Each structure stands twice: as structure tokens, then as C-alpha cells.
């Protein structure tokens, strides 16, 4: 019931903005949810026509890219970043002058 109520509020907000909401639910085994599968199929169909490739090649490429992106994001959340975060390249000093004024 809670999931349905939340889904209806999200869909209502998306309809106001004329956008599409497709939750990308993926299990630990790599199985995708129903909405995610439909979204990827539609994306692969349009991309295969644009790229002049086979549908099977395109959908496999999209699935692999998506799954590797999820793996990278999960590892980053669990382990944290290896590099220090750098905000602005201040070699010429211009951003610093802009911030200080």
C-alpha cells in the first residue's frame, strides 16, 4: 500500500513536468525489475535505429554499461573515494579573485 501511494505521488509529479519516471531496480544477482526492463528495451530499440546496430547488440551493451555503473557506485559507497576532492583549479588565481570579491 505504501509503495503504491508513493508511486502515485511520484507519477503525479512526473505528469506535471511531462517527464518519465522509471525506477532502476536491480537485484543482487543482476536481475532487473519490470519497469527497468521495459525502459531498457525502449532505449535499446531507439538507440539501435539511431546507431544502425542490431537490437541484441545494443541491449546487451546498455545492460552491461548500466550494471557496471551500478557496481562502481556500490563500491564507491562501500569503500569511499581513493582520491581527494579538488574543488576548483586555481592555478591562475582567477576563481579565487572572483570568490574573494
PDB file of N, CA and C in Angstrom:
ATOM      1  N   UNK A   1       0.831  -1.195   0.000  1.00  0.00           N
ATOM      2  CA  UNK A   1       0.000   0.000   0.000  1.00  0.00           C
ATOM      3  C   UNK A   1       0.872   1.254   0.000  1.00  0.00           C
ATOM      4  N   UNK A   2       1.908   1.239   0.833  1.00  0.00           N
ATOM      5  CA  UNK A   2       2.792   2.395   0.915  1.00  0.00           C
ATOM      6  C   UNK A   2       3.517   2.621  -0.411  1.00  0.00           C
ATOM      7  N   UNK A   3       3.953   1.517  -1.032  1.00  0.00           N
ATOM      8  CA  UNK A   3       4.659   1.614  -2.309  1.00  0.00           C
ATOM      9  C   UNK A   3       3.732   2.178  -3.387  1.00  0.00           C
ATOM     10  N   UNK A   4       2.475   1.730  -3.388  1.00  0.00           N
ATOM     11  CA  UNK A   4       1.516   2.225  -4.366  1.00  0.00           C
ATOM     12  C   UNK A   4       1.240   3.715  -4.167  1.00  0.00           C
ATOM     13  N   UNK A   5       1.103   4.135  -2.888  1.00  0.00           N
ATOM     14  CA  UNK A   5       0.832   5.531  -2.587  1.00  0.00           C
ATOM     15  C   UNK A   5       2.000   6.406  -3.014  1.00  0.00           C
ATOM     16  N   UNK A   6       3.216   5.953  -2.713  1.00  0.00           N
ATOM     17  CA  UNK A   6       4.409   6.704  -3.094  1.00  0.00           C
ATOM     18  C   UNK A   6       4.547   6.752  -4.612  1.00  0.00           C
ATOM     19  N   UNK A   7       4.264   5.638  -5.258  1.00  0.00           N
ATOM     20  CA  UNK A   7       4.338   5.593  -6.710  1.00  0.00           C
ATOM     21  C   UNK A   7       3.360   6.544  -7.370  1.00  0.00           C
ATOM     22  N   UNK A   8       2.166   6.660  -6.798  1.00  0.00           N
ATOM     23  CA  UNK A   8       1.182   7.569  -7.393  1.00  0.00           C
ATOM     24  C   UNK A   8       1.596   9.019  -7.210  1.00  0.00           C
ATOM     25  N   UNK A   9       2.213   9.366  -6.080  1.00  0.00           N
ATOM     26  CA  UNK A   9       2.666  10.749  -5.901  1.00  0.00           C
ATOM     27  C   UNK A   9       3.822  11.063  -6.840  1.00  0.00           C
ATOM     28  N   UNK A  10       4.715  10.101  -7.043  1.00  0.00           N
ATOM     29  CA  UNK A  10       5.833  10.311  -7.968  1.00  0.00           C
ATOM     30  C   UNK A  10       5.310  10.455  -9.391  1.00  0.00           C
ATOM     31  N   UNK A  11       4.381   9.593  -9.782  1.00  0.00           N
ATOM     32  CA  UNK A  11       3.824   9.674 -11.132  1.00  0.00           C
ATOM     33  C   UNK A  11       3.063  10.977 -11.349  1.00  0.00           C
ATOM     34  N   UNK A  12       2.367  11.446 -10.310  1.00  0.00           N
ATOM     35  CA  UNK A  12       1.646  12.714 -10.422  1.00  0.00           C
ATOM     36  C   UNK A  12       2.624  13.868 -10.629  1.00  0.00           C
ATOM     37  N   UNK A  13       3.730  13.871  -9.886  1.00  0.00           N
ATOM     38  CA  UNK A  13       4.745  14.914 -10.053  1.00  0.00           C
ATOM     39  C   UNK A  13       5.387  14.838 -11.437  1.00  0.00           C
ATOM     40  N   UNK A  14       5.593  13.628 -11.935  1.00  0.00           N
ATOM     41  CA  UNK A  14       6.178  13.467 -13.274  1.00  0.00           C
ATOM     42  C   UNK A  14       5.217  13.933 -14.360  1.00  0.00           C
ATOM     43  N   UNK A  15       3.930  13.667 -14.176  1.00  0.00           N
ATOM     44  CA  UNK A  15       2.949  14.112 -15.163  1.00  0.00           C
ATOM     45  C   UNK A  15       2.893  15.630 -15.241  1.00  0.00           C
ATOM     46  N   UNK A  16       3.048  16.304 -14.093  1.00  0.00           N
ATOM     47  CA  UNK A  16       3.051  17.769 -14.097  1.00  0.00           C
ATOM     48  C   UNK A  16       4.226  18.314 -14.896  1.00  0.00           C
ATOM     49  N   UNK A  17       5.353  17.628 -14.823  1.00  0.00           N
ATOM     50  CA  UNK A  17       6.552  18.077 -15.532  1.00  0.00           C
ATOM     51  C   UNK A  17       6.685  17.465 -16.925  1.00  0.00           C
ATOM     52  N   UNK A  18       5.741  16.609 -17.281  1.00  0.00           N
ATOM     53  CA  UNK A  18       5.749  15.896 -18.565  1.00  0.00           C
ATOM     54  C   UNK A  18       7.043  15.104 -18.752  1.00  0.00           C
ATOM     55  N   UNK A  19       7.379  14.347 -17.727  1.00  0.00           N
ATOM     56  CA  UNK A  19       8.577  13.517 -17.768  1.00  0.00           C
ATOM     57  C   UNK A  19       8.196  12.067 -17.520  1.00  0.00           C
ATOM     58  N   UNK A  20       9.193  11.197 -17.588  1.00  0.00           N
ATOM     59  CA  UNK A  20       9.004   9.768 -17.378  1.00  0.00           C
ATOM     60  C   UNK A  20       9.794   9.345 -16.147  1.00  0.00           C
ATOM     61  N   UNK A  21       9.180   8.542 -15.301  1.00  0.00           N
ATOM     62  CA  UNK A  21       9.873   8.005 -14.133  1.00  0.00           C
ATOM     63  C   UNK A  21       9.930   6.495 -14.265  1.00  0.00           C
ATOM     64  N   UNK A  22      11.141   5.965 -14.320  1.00  0.00           N
ATOM     65  CA  UNK A  22      11.330   4.519 -14.393  1.00  0.00           C
ATOM     66  C   UNK A  22      12.329   4.122 -13.317  1.00  0.00           C
ATOM     67  N   UNK A  23      11.869   3.501 -12.224  1.00  0.00           N
ATOM     68  CA  UNK A  23      12.812   3.101 -11.180  1.00  0.00           C
ATOM     69  C   UNK A  23      13.736   1.992 -11.678  1.00  0.00           C
ATOM     70  N   UNK A  24      15.015   2.180 -11.478  1.00  0.00           N
ATOM     71  CA  UNK A  24      16.001   1.194 -11.924  1.00  0.00           C
ATOM     72  C   UNK A  24      16.288   0.240 -10.763  1.00  0.00           C
ATOM     73  N   UNK A  25      15.415  -0.721 -10.572  1.00  0.00           N
ATOM     74  CA  UNK A  25      15.559  -1.707  -9.503  1.00  0.00           C
ATOM     75  C   UNK A  25      16.321  -2.912 -10.040  1.00  0.00           C
ATOM     76  N   UNK A  26      17.452  -3.218  -9.387  1.00  0.00           N
ATOM     77  CA  UNK A  26      18.281  -4.348  -9.797  1.00  0.00           C
ATOM     78  C   UNK A  26      18.584  -5.171  -8.556  1.00  0.00           C
ATOM     79  N   UNK A  27      18.429  -6.496  -8.653  1.00  0.00           N
ATOM     80  CA  UNK A  27      18.695  -7.364  -7.510  1.00  0.00           C
ATOM     81  C   UNK A  27      20.193  -7.608  -7.367  1.00  0.00           C
ATOM     82  N   UNK A  28      20.565  -8.282  -6.309  1.00  0.00           N
ATOM     83  CA  UNK A  28      21.969  -8.612  -6.062  1.00  0.00           C
ATOM     84  C   UNK A  28      22.510  -9.509  -7.169  1.00  0.00           C
ATOM     85  N   UNK A  29      21.663 -10.346  -7.737  1.00  0.00           N
ATOM     86  CA  UNK A  29      22.072 -11.259  -8.805  1.00  0.00           C
ATOM     87  C   UNK A  29      22.132 -10.590 -10.172  1.00  0.00           C
ATOM     88  N   UNK A  30      21.721  -9.335 -10.266  1.00  0.00           N
ATOM     89  CA  UNK A  30      21.738  -8.628 -11.537  1.00  0.00           C
ATOM     90  C   UNK A  30      20.431  -8.694 -12.296  1.00  0.00           C
ATOM     91  N   UNK A  31      19.384  -9.232 -11.672  1.00  0.00           N
ATOM     92  CA  UNK A  31      18.074  -9.278 -12.324  1.00  0.00           C
ATOM     93  C   UNK A  31      17.405  -7.917 -12.186  1.00  0.00           C
ATOM     94  N   UNK A  32      16.834  -7.443 -13.282  1.00  0.00           N
ATOM     95  CA  UNK A  32      16.232  -6.116 -13.290  1.00  0.00           C
ATOM     96  C   UNK A  32      14.734  -6.205 -13.067  1.00  0.00           C
ATOM     97  N   UNK A  33      14.190  -5.145 -12.469  1.00  0.00           N
ATOM     98  CA  UNK A  33      12.759  -5.062 -12.239  1.00  0.00           C
ATOM     99  C   UNK A  33      11.989  -4.867 -13.530  1.00  0.00           C
ATOM    100  N   UNK A  34      10.665  -4.954 -13.422  1.00  0.00           N
ATOM    101  CA  UNK A  34       9.810  -4.878 -14.603  1.00  0.00           C
ATOM    102  C   UNK A  34       9.915  -3.515 -15.290  1.00  0.00           C
ATOM    103  N   UNK A  35       9.866  -2.425 -14.502  1.00  0.00           N
ATOM    104  CA  UNK A  35       9.939  -1.088 -15.090  1.00  0.00           C
ATOM    105  C   UNK A  35      11.304  -0.830 -15.704  1.00  0.00           C
ATOM    106  N   UNK A  36      12.345  -1.309 -15.051  1.00  0.00           N
ATOM    107  CA  UNK A  36      13.709  -1.138 -15.557  1.00  0.00           C
ATOM    108  C   UNK A  36      13.885  -1.881 -16.880  1.00  0.00           C
ATOM    109  N   UNK A  37      13.356  -3.083 -16.952  1.00  0.00           N
ATOM    110  CA  UNK A  37      13.466  -3.878 -18.176  1.00  0.00           C
ATOM    111  C   UNK A  37      12.741  -3.204 -19.336  1.00  0.00           C
ATOM    112  N   UNK A  38      11.540  -2.702 -19.071  1.00  0.00           N
ATOM    113  CA  UNK A  38      10.782  -2.016 -20.127  1.00  0.00           C
ATOM    114  C   UNK A  38      11.523  -0.770 -20.602  1.00  0.00           C
ATOM    115  N   UNK A  39      12.088  -0.010 -19.651  1.00  0.00           N
ATOM    116  CA  UNK A  39      12.818   1.207 -20.011  1.00  0.00           C
ATOM    117  C   UNK A  39      14.030   0.881 -20.879  1.00  0.00           C
ATOM    118  N   UNK A  40      14.775  -0.153 -20.499  1.00  0.00           N
ATOM    119  CA  UNK A  40      15.970  -0.527 -21.258  1.00  0.00           C
ATOM    120  C   UNK A  40      15.588  -1.042 -22.644  1.00  0.00           C
ATOM    121  N   UNK A  41      14.486  -1.767 -22.745  1.00  0.00           N
ATOM    122  CA  UNK A  41      14.036  -2.244 -24.053  1.00  0.00           C
ATOM    123  C   UNK A  41      13.669  -1.083 -24.971  1.00  0.00           C
ATOM    124  N   UNK A  42      12.965  -0.087 -24.429  1.00  0.00           N
ATOM    125  CA  UNK A  42      12.608   1.085 -25.242  1.00  0.00           C
ATOM    126  C   UNK A  42      13.849   1.861 -25.647  1.00  0.00           C
ATOM    127  N   UNK A  43      14.780   2.017 -24.708  1.00  0.00           N
ATOM    128  CA  UNK A  43      16.016   2.734 -25.004  1.00  0.00           C
ATOM    129  C   UNK A  43      16.826   2.000 -26.069  1.00  0.00           C
ATOM    130  N   UNK A  44      16.928   0.686 -25.942  1.00  0.00           N
ATOM    131  CA  UNK A  44      17.690  -0.104 -26.913  1.00  0.00           C
ATOM    132  C   UNK A  44      17.036  -0.069 -28.289  1.00  0.00           C
ATOM    133  N   UNK A  45      15.719  -0.063 -28.315  1.00  0.00           N
ATOM    134  CA  UNK A  45      15.022  -0.002 -29.600  1.00  0.00           C
ATOM    135  C   UNK A  45      15.331   1.304 -30.328  1.00  0.00           C
ATOM    136  N   UNK A  46      15.255   2.417 -29.610  1.00  0.00           N
ATOM    137  CA  UNK A  46      15.529   3.705 -30.266  1.00  0.00           C
ATOM    138  C   UNK A  46      17.005   3.858 -30.612  1.00  0.00           C
ATOM    139  N   UNK A  47      17.897   3.392 -29.726  1.00  0.00           N
ATOM    140  CA  UNK A  47      19.335   3.517 -29.991  1.00  0.00           C
ATOM    141  C   UNK A  47      19.779   2.610 -31.132  1.00  0.00           C
ATOM    142  N   UNK A  48      19.192   1.440 -31.248  1.00  0.00           N
ATOM    143  CA  UNK A  48      19.605   0.537 -32.330  1.00  0.00           C
ATOM    144  C   UNK A  48      19.266   1.127 -33.696  1.00  0.00           C
ATOM    145  N   UNK A  49      18.154   1.842 -33.772  1.00  0.00           N
ATOM    146  CA  UNK A  49      17.812   2.506 -35.033  1.00  0.00           C
ATOM    147  C   UNK A  49      18.753   3.675 -35.310  1.00  0.00           C
ATOM    148  N   UNK A  50      19.093   4.417 -34.264  1.00  0.00           N
ATOM    149  CA  UNK A  50      19.967   5.575 -34.432  1.00  0.00           C
ATOM    150  C   UNK A  50      21.386   5.159 -34.776  1.00  0.00           C
ATOM    151  N   UNK A  51      21.880   4.130 -34.106  1.00  0.00           N
ATOM    152  CA  UNK A  51      23.266   3.700 -34.286  1.00  0.00           C
ATOM    153  C   UNK A  51      23.435   2.707 -35.437  1.00  0.00           C
ATOM    154  N   UNK A  52      22.338   2.272 -36.055  1.00  0.00           N
ATOM    155  CA  UNK A  52      22.367   1.282 -37.144  1.00  0.00           C
ATOM    156  C   UNK A  52      23.061  -0.008 -36.695  1.00  0.00           C
ATOM    157  N   UNK A  53      22.671  -0.502 -35.534  1.00  0.00           N
ATOM    158  CA  UNK A  53      23.194  -1.751 -34.969  1.00  0.00           C
ATOM    159  C   UNK A  53      22.037  -2.712 -34.730  1.00  0.00           C
ATOM    160  N   UNK A  54      22.383  -3.973 -34.487  1.00  0.00           N
ATOM    161  CA  UNK A  54      21.365  -4.957 -34.134  1.00  0.00           C
ATOM    162  C   UNK A  54      20.789  -4.623 -32.763  1.00  0.00           C
ATOM    163  N   UNK A  55      19.508  -4.989 -32.585  1.00  0.00           N
ATOM    164  CA  UNK A  55      18.839  -4.758 -31.306  1.00  0.00           C
ATOM    165  C   UNK A  55      19.526  -5.531 -30.187  1.00  0.00           C
ATOM    166  N   UNK A  56      19.908  -6.785 -30.456  1.00  0.00           N
ATOM    167  CA  UNK A  56      20.526  -7.616 -29.418  1.00  0.00           C
ATOM    168  C   UNK A  56      21.872  -7.046 -28.980  1.00  0.00           C
ATOM    169  N   UNK A  57      22.656  -6.547 -29.924  1.00  0.00           N
ATOM    170  CA  UNK A  57      23.945  -5.946 -29.583  1.00  0.00           C
ATOM    171  C   UNK A  57      23.740  -4.698 -28.740  1.00  0.00           C
ATOM    172  N   UNK A  58      22.765  -3.884 -29.116  1.00  0.00           N
ATOM    173  CA  UNK A  58      22.512  -2.632 -28.408  1.00  0.00           C
ATOM    174  C   UNK A  58      22.001  -2.880 -26.999  1.00  0.00           C
ATOM    175  N   UNK A  59      21.059  -3.807 -26.832  1.00  0.00           N
ATOM    176  CA  UNK A  59      20.506  -4.041 -25.497  1.00  0.00           C
ATOM    177  C   UNK A  59      21.553  -4.671 -24.579  1.00  0.00           C
ATOM    178  N   UNK A  60      22.405  -5.538 -25.119  1.00  0.00           N
ATOM    179  CA  UNK A  60      23.480  -6.103 -24.305  1.00  0.00           C
ATOM    180  C   UNK A  60      24.470  -5.030 -23.880  1.00  0.00           C
ATOM    181  N   UNK A  61      24.793  -4.114 -24.774  1.00  0.00           N
ATOM    182  CA  UNK A  61      25.722  -3.030 -24.451  1.00  0.00           C
ATOM    183  C   UNK A  61      25.134  -2.130 -23.364  1.00  0.00           C
ATOM    184  N   UNK A  62      23.842  -1.783 -23.485  1.00  0.00           N
ATOM    185  CA  UNK A  62      23.197  -0.917 -22.490  1.00  0.00           C
ATOM    186  C   UNK A  62      23.137  -1.611 -21.137  1.00  0.00           C
ATOM    187  N   UNK A  63      22.774  -2.894 -21.122  1.00  0.00           N
ATOM    188  CA  UNK A  63      22.699  -3.635 -19.851  1.00  0.00           C
ATOM    189  C   UNK A  63      24.057  -3.719 -19.174  1.00  0.00           C
ATOM    190  N   UNK A  64      25.094  -4.000 -19.941  1.00  0.00           N
ATOM    191  CA  UNK A  64      26.431  -4.092 -19.352  1.00  0.00           C
ATOM    192  C   UNK A  64      26.894  -2.745 -18.806  1.00  0.00           C
ATOM    193  N   UNK A  65      26.653  -1.677 -19.558  1.00  0.00           N
ATOM    194  CA  UNK A  65      27.042  -0.345 -19.086  1.00  0.00           C
ATOM    195  C   UNK A  65      26.307   0.015 -17.799  1.00  0.00           C
ATOM    196  N   UNK A  66      25.016  -0.297 -17.752  1.00  0.00           N
ATOM    197  CA  UNK A  66      24.218   0.009 -16.571  1.00  0.00           C
ATOM    198  C   UNK A  66      24.674  -0.807 -15.369  1.00  0.00           C
ATOM    199  N   UNK A  67      24.900  -2.095 -15.573  1.00  0.00           N
ATOM    200  CA  UNK A  67      25.309  -2.942 -14.454  1.00  0.00           C
ATOM    201  C   UNK A  67      26.695  -2.565 -13.940  1.00  0.00           C
ATOM    202  N   UNK A  68      27.626  -2.229 -14.834  1.00  0.00           N
ATOM    203  CA  UNK A  68      28.941  -1.793 -14.369  1.00  0.00           C
ATOM    204  C   UNK A  68      28.863  -0.454 -13.654  1.00  0.00           C
ATOM    205  N   UNK A  69      27.973   0.440 -14.084  1.00  0.00           N
ATOM    206  CA  UNK A  69      27.796   1.711 -13.384  1.00  0.00           C
ATOM    207  C   UNK A  69      27.244   1.482 -11.981  1.00  0.00           C
ATOM    208  N   UNK A  70      26.327   0.526 -11.841  1.00  0.00           N
ATOM    209  CA  UNK A  70      25.782   0.202 -10.520  1.00  0.00           C
ATOM    210  C   UNK A  70      26.864  -0.404  -9.639  1.00  0.00           C
ATOM    211  N   UNK A  71      27.693  -1.277 -10.201  1.00  0.00           N
ATOM    212  CA  UNK A  71      28.791  -1.878  -9.428  1.00  0.00           C
ATOM    213  C   UNK A  71      29.765  -0.806  -8.962  1.00  0.00           C
ATOM    214  N   UNK A  72      30.145   0.114  -9.865  1.00  0.00           N
ATOM    215  CA  UNK A  72      31.061   1.195  -9.487  1.00  0.00           C
ATOM    216  C   UNK A  72      30.471   2.062  -8.388  1.00  0.00           C
ATOM    217  N   UNK A  73      29.181   2.398  -8.498  1.00  0.00           N
ATOM    218  CA  UNK A  73      28.532   3.230  -7.490  1.00  0.00           C
ATOM    219  C   UNK A  73      28.460   2.514  -6.146  1.00  0.00           C
ATOM    220  N   UNK A  74      28.183   1.217  -6.170  1.00  0.00           N
ATOM    221  CA  UNK A  74      28.120   0.445  -4.929  1.00  0.00           C
ATOM    222  C   UNK A  74      29.480   0.374  -4.261  1.00  0.00           C
ATOM    223  N   UNK A  75      30.519   0.113  -5.029  1.00  0.00           N
ATOM    224  CA  UNK A  75      31.869   0.046  -4.471  1.00  0.00           C
ATOM    225  C   UNK A  75      32.279   1.400  -3.909  1.00  0.00           C
ATOM    226  N   UNK A  76      31.928   2.469  -4.608  1.00  0.00           N
ATOM    227  CA  UNK A  76      32.258   3.803  -4.129  1.00  0.00           C
ATOM    228  C   UNK A  76      31.540   4.108  -2.822  1.00  0.00           C
ATOM    229  N   UNK A  77      30.288   3.676  -2.691  1.00  0.00           N
ATOM    230  CA  UNK A  77      29.554   3.890  -1.441  1.00  0.00           C
ATOM    231  C   UNK A  77      30.145   3.078  -0.300  1.00  0.00           C
ATOM    232  N   UNK A  78      30.544   1.847  -0.567  1.00  0.00           N
ATOM    233  CA  UNK A  78      31.071   0.985   0.490  1.00  0.00           C
ATOM    234  C   UNK A  78      32.493   1.346   0.887  1.00  0.00           C
ATOM    235  N   UNK A  79      33.335   1.604  -0.088  1.00  0.00           N
ATOM    236  CA  UNK A  79      34.757   1.814   0.162  1.00  0.00           C
ATOM    237  C   UNK A  79      35.105   3.278   0.321  1.00  0.00           C
ATOM    238  N   UNK A  80      34.415   4.140  -0.375  1.00  0.00           N
ATOM    239  CA  UNK A  80      34.750   5.552  -0.377  1.00  0.00           C
ATOM    240  C   UNK A  80      35.685   5.856  -1.533  1.00  0.00           C
ATOM    241  N   UNK A  81      35.954   7.121  -1.713  1.00  0.00           N
ATOM    242  CA  UNK A  81      36.784   7.554  -2.828  1.00  0.00           C
ATOM    243  C   UNK A  81      38.256   7.405  -2.486  1.00  0.00           C
ATOM    244  N   UNK A  82      39.072   7.039  -3.479  1.00  0.00           N
ATOM    245  CA  UNK A  82      40.520   6.914  -3.280  1.00  0.00           C
ATOM    246  C   UNK A  82      41.212   8.262  -3.387  1.00  0.00           C
ATOM    247  N   UNK A  83      40.643   9.166  -4.142  1.00  0.00           N
ATOM    248  CA  UNK A  83      41.299  10.443  -4.388  1.00  0.00           C
ATOM    249  C   UNK A  83      40.687  11.532  -3.526  1.00  0.00           C
ATOM    250  N   UNK A  84      41.478  12.553  -3.281  1.00  0.00           N
ATOM    251  CA  UNK A  84      40.967  13.709  -2.565  1.00  0.00           C
ATOM    252  C   UNK A  84      40.136  14.550  -3.514  1.00  0.00           C
ATOM    253  N   UNK A  85      39.126  15.181  -2.994  1.00  0.00           N
ATOM    254  CA  UNK A  85      38.256  16.011  -3.808  1.00  0.00           C
ATOM    255  C   UNK A  85      38.911  17.360  -4.006  1.00  0.00           C
ATOM    256  N   UNK A  86      38.964  17.797  -5.246  1.00  0.00           N
ATOM    257  CA  UNK A  86      39.511  19.114  -5.559  1.00  0.00           C
ATOM    258  C   UNK A  86      38.377  19.960  -6.099  1.00  0.00           C
ATOM    259  N   UNK A  87      38.214  21.139  -5.529  1.00  0.00           N
ATOM    260  CA  UNK A  87      37.060  21.949  -5.909  1.00  0.00           C
ATOM    261  C   UNK A  87      37.293  22.724  -7.192  1.00  0.00           C
ATOM    262  N   UNK A  88      38.274  23.618  -7.210  1.00  0.00           N
ATOM    263  CA  UNK A  88      38.467  24.497  -8.355  1.00  0.00           C
ATOM    264  C   UNK A  88      39.948  24.537  -8.678  1.00  0.00           C
ATOM    265  N   UNK A  89      40.272  24.536  -9.952  1.00  0.00           N
ATOM    266  CA  UNK A  89      41.657  24.702 -10.366  1.00  0.00           C
ATOM    267  C   UNK A  89      42.013  26.179 -10.236  1.00  0.00           C
ATOM    268  N   UNK A  90      42.880  26.498  -9.281  1.00  0.00           N
ATOM    269  CA  UNK A  90      43.194  27.908  -9.023  1.00  0.00           C
ATOM    270  C   UNK A  90      44.622  28.234  -9.421  1.00  0.00           C
ATOM    271  N   UNK A  91      45.116  27.622 -10.485  1.00  0.00           N
ATOM    272  CA  UNK A  91      46.491  27.874 -10.904  1.00  0.00           C
ATOM    273  C   UNK A  91      46.676  29.309 -11.381  1.00  0.00           C
ATOM    274  N   UNK A  92      45.649  29.880 -12.013  1.00  0.00           N
ATOM    275  CA  UNK A  92      45.786  31.254 -12.476  1.00  0.00           C
ATOM    276  C   UNK A  92      45.269  32.261 -11.461  1.00  0.00           C
ATOM    277  N   UNK A  93      44.585  31.818 -10.421  1.00  0.00           N
ATOM    278  CA  UNK A  93      44.119  32.708  -9.370  1.00  0.00           C
ATOM    279  C   UNK A  93      42.803  33.407  -9.664  1.00  0.00           C
ATOM    280  N   UNK A  94      42.274  33.282 -10.873  1.00  0.00           N
ATOM    281  CA  UNK A  94      41.038  33.973 -11.211  1.00  0.00           C
ATOM    282  C   UNK A  94      39.838  33.524 -10.380  1.00  0.00           C
ATOM    283  N   UNK A  95      39.607  32.225 -10.189  1.00  0.00           N
ATOM    284  CA  UNK A  95      38.455  31.843  -9.370  1.00  0.00           C
ATOM    285  C   UNK A  95      38.564  32.372  -7.946  1.00  0.00           C
ATOM    286  N   UNK A  96      39.782  32.427  -7.425  1.00  0.00           N
ATOM    287  CA  UNK A  96      39.972  32.923  -6.071  1.00  0.00           C
ATOM    288  C   UNK A  96      39.630  34.406  -5.991  1.00  0.00           C
ATOM    289  N   UNK A  97      40.034  35.182  -7.000  1.00  0.00           N
ATOM    290  CA  UNK A  97      39.690  36.600  -7.029  1.00  0.00           C
ATOM    291  C   UNK A  97      38.182  36.786  -7.106  1.00  0.00           C
ATOM    292  N   UNK A  98      37.519  35.935  -7.876  1.00  0.00           N
ATOM    293  CA  UNK A  98      36.071  36.034  -8.017  1.00  0.00           C
ATOM    294  C   UNK A  98      35.374  35.721  -6.699  1.00  0.00           C
ATOM    295  N   UNK A  99      35.873  34.716  -5.975  1.00  0.00           N
ATOM    296  CA  UNK A  99      35.254  34.320  -4.709  1.00  0.00           C
ATOM    297  C   UNK A  99      35.480  35.386  -3.646  1.00  0.00           C
ATOM    298  N   UNK A 100      36.673  35.958  -3.603  1.00  0.00           N
ATOM    299  CA  UNK A 100      37.010  36.921  -2.562  1.00  0.00           C
ATOM    300  C   UNK A 100      36.337  38.278  -2.774  1.00  0.00           C
ATOM    301  N   UNK A 101      35.918  38.605  -3.984  1.00  0.00           N
ATOM    302  CA  UNK A 101      35.325  39.933  -4.216  1.00  0.00           C
ATOM    303  C   UNK A 101      33.856  39.963  -3.871  1.00  0.00           C
TER     304      UNK A 101
END
